[in-house]
Amino acid sequence: MSDLTPEEPHEAGVPERLADPSHEEGARILADEARDTLREQGFTDEQIREWAETYIAEEGSGDVDAFVAWIAARERRND
């Protein structure tokens, strides 16, 4: 796994978005599934939730590996 910077999406230059109501549960589930992985990288629960909301709003769905890779790509793009 890539080293990630524990920050909120907007701190990485990614506009934060909220998942629409039909996808809120998916964002919550993804955040729960990714929590241990992202906590190991230093992320807080709030940061994980915000990234999951933004990811689901943009991508619609995905698994933990795709989610973590997406965060890493967004952080690299905005370095």
C-alpha atoms as a PDB file:
ATOM      1  CA  MET A   1       0.000   0.000   0.000  1.00  0.00           C
ATOM      2  CA  SER A   2       1.161   3.502  -0.742  1.00  0.00           C
ATOM      3  CA  ASP A   3       1.999   5.831   2.070  1.00  0.00           C
ATOM      4  CA  LEU A   4      -0.941   8.164   2.448  1.00  0.00           C
ATOM      5  CA  THR A   5      -1.075  11.563   4.088  1.00  0.00           C
ATOM      6  CA  PRO A   6      -3.739  11.647   6.806  1.00  0.00           C
ATOM      7  CA  GLU A   7      -5.722  14.684   5.772  1.00  0.00           C
ATOM      8  CA  GLU A   8      -9.203  15.655   4.674  1.00  0.00           C
ATOM      9  CA  PRO A   9     -10.006  15.724   0.961  1.00  0.00           C
ATOM     10  CA  HIS A  10     -10.026  19.522   0.753  1.00  0.00           C
ATOM     11  CA  GLU A  11      -6.557  19.603   2.348  1.00  0.00           C
ATOM     12  CA  ALA A  12      -5.358  17.453  -0.574  1.00  0.00           C
ATOM     13  CA  GLY A  13      -6.977  19.817  -3.067  1.00  0.00           C
ATOM     14  CA  VAL A  14      -9.966  17.521  -3.659  1.00  0.00           C
ATOM     15  CA  PRO A  15     -13.363  19.217  -3.446  1.00  0.00           C
ATOM     16  CA  GLU A  16     -15.381  17.432  -0.775  1.00  0.00           C
ATOM     17  CA  ARG A  17     -18.696  16.093  -1.917  1.00  0.00           C
ATOM     18  CA  LEU A  18     -21.557  14.409  -0.133  1.00  0.00           C
ATOM     19  CA  ALA A  19     -22.976  11.198  -1.473  1.00  0.00           C
ATOM     20  CA  ASP A  20     -26.588  11.535  -2.547  1.00  0.00           C
ATOM     21  CA  PRO A  21     -29.081   9.992  -0.129  1.00  0.00           C
ATOM     22  CA  SER A  22     -29.273   6.744  -2.093  1.00  0.00           C
ATOM     23  CA  HIS A  23     -25.497   6.261  -1.682  1.00  0.00           C
ATOM     24  CA  GLU A  24     -25.018   7.423   1.922  1.00  0.00           C
ATOM     25  CA  GLU A  25     -25.217   3.877   3.275  1.00  0.00           C
ATOM     26  CA  GLY A  26     -22.584   2.724   0.764  1.00  0.00           C
ATOM     27  CA  ALA A  27     -20.246   5.505   1.891  1.00  0.00           C
ATOM     28  CA  ARG A  28     -20.755   4.534   5.535  1.00  0.00           C
ATOM     29  CA  ILE A  29     -20.092   0.859   4.795  1.00  0.00           C
ATOM     30  CA  LEU A  30     -16.964   1.670   2.770  1.00  0.00           C
ATOM     31  CA  ALA A  31     -15.653   3.905   5.568  1.00  0.00           C
ATOM     32  CA  ASP A  32     -16.244   1.090   8.069  1.00  0.00           C
ATOM     33  CA  GLU A  33     -14.504  -1.465   5.859  1.00  0.00           C
ATOM     34  CA  ALA A  34     -11.507   0.819   5.217  1.00  0.00           C
ATOM     35  CA  ARG A  35     -11.208   2.106   8.787  1.00  0.00           C
ATOM     36  CA  ASP A  36      -8.455  -0.254  10.006  1.00  0.00           C
ATOM     37  CA  THR A  37      -6.389   0.194   6.843  1.00  0.00           C
ATOM     38  CA  LEU A  38      -6.605   3.979   6.938  1.00  0.00           C
ATOM     39  CA  ARG A  39      -6.130   4.258  10.701  1.00  0.00           C
ATOM     40  CA  GLU A  40      -2.804   2.450  10.213  1.00  0.00           C
ATOM     41  CA  GLN A  41      -1.873   5.374   7.938  1.00  0.00           C
ATOM     42  CA  GLY A  42      -2.894   7.897  10.635  1.00  0.00           C
ATOM     43  CA  PHE A  43      -6.361   8.897   9.391  1.00  0.00           C
ATOM     44  CA  THR A  44      -9.052   9.888  11.866  1.00  0.00           C
ATOM     45  CA  ASP A  45     -12.604   8.585  11.660  1.00  0.00           C
ATOM     46  CA  GLU A  46     -13.779  11.991  10.409  1.00  0.00           C
ATOM     47  CA  GLN A  47     -11.176  12.047   7.639  1.00  0.00           C
ATOM     48  CA  ILE A  48     -12.116   8.502   6.607  1.00  0.00           C
ATOM     49  CA  ARG A  49     -15.805   9.418   6.484  1.00  0.00           C
ATOM     50  CA  GLU A  50     -15.152  12.539   4.397  1.00  0.00           C
ATOM     51  CA  TRP A  51     -12.986  10.651   1.921  1.00  0.00           C
ATOM     52  CA  ALA A  52     -15.585   7.856   1.671  1.00  0.00           C
ATOM     53  CA  GLU A  53     -18.395  10.372   1.042  1.00  0.00           C
ATOM     54  CA  THR A  54     -16.366  12.100  -1.670  1.00  0.00           C
ATOM     55  CA  TYR A  55     -15.295   8.805  -3.248  1.00  0.00           C
ATOM     56  CA  ILE A  56     -18.829   7.433  -3.420  1.00  0.00           C
ATOM     57  CA  ALA A  57     -20.141  10.760  -4.747  1.00  0.00           C
ATOM     58  CA  GLU A  58     -17.585  10.628  -7.581  1.00  0.00           C
ATOM     59  CA  GLU A  59     -17.268   6.903  -8.269  1.00  0.00           C
ATOM     60  CA  GLY A  60     -20.632   5.502  -7.170  1.00  0.00           C
ATOM     61  CA  SER A  61     -19.177   2.359  -5.594  1.00  0.00           C
ATOM     62  CA  GLY A  62     -15.979   0.423  -5.031  1.00  0.00           C
ATOM     63  CA  ASP A  63     -14.046  -1.761  -2.645  1.00  0.00           C
ATOM     64  CA  VAL A  64     -11.427  -0.862  -0.041  1.00  0.00           C
ATOM     65  CA  ASP A  65      -8.463  -1.415  -2.363  1.00  0.00           C
ATOM     66  CA  ALA A  66      -9.952   0.830  -5.053  1.00  0.00           C
ATOM     67  CA  PHE A  67     -10.859   3.439  -2.425  1.00  0.00           C
ATOM     68  CA  VAL A  68      -7.345   3.550  -0.925  1.00  0.00           C
ATOM     69  CA  ALA A  69      -5.772   3.675  -4.400  1.00  0.00           C
ATOM     70  CA  TRP A  70      -8.141   6.523  -5.313  1.00  0.00           C
ATOM     71  CA  ILE A  71      -7.088   8.515  -2.228  1.00  0.00           C
ATOM     72  CA  ALA A  72      -3.409   7.954  -3.067  1.00  0.00           C
ATOM     73  CA  ALA A  73      -3.961   9.074  -6.671  1.00  0.00           C
ATOM     74  CA  ARG A  74      -5.757  12.240  -5.563  1.00  0.00           C
ATOM     75  CA  GLU A  75      -3.026  13.083  -3.066  1.00  0.00           C
ATOM     76  CA  ARG A  76      -0.274  12.577  -5.676  1.00  0.00           C
ATOM     77  CA  ARG A  77      -2.156  14.624  -8.258  1.00  0.00           C
ATOM     78  CA  ASN A  78      -2.357  17.544  -5.857  1.00  0.00           C
ATOM     79  CA  ASP A  79       1.219  17.455  -4.512  1.00  0.00           C
END
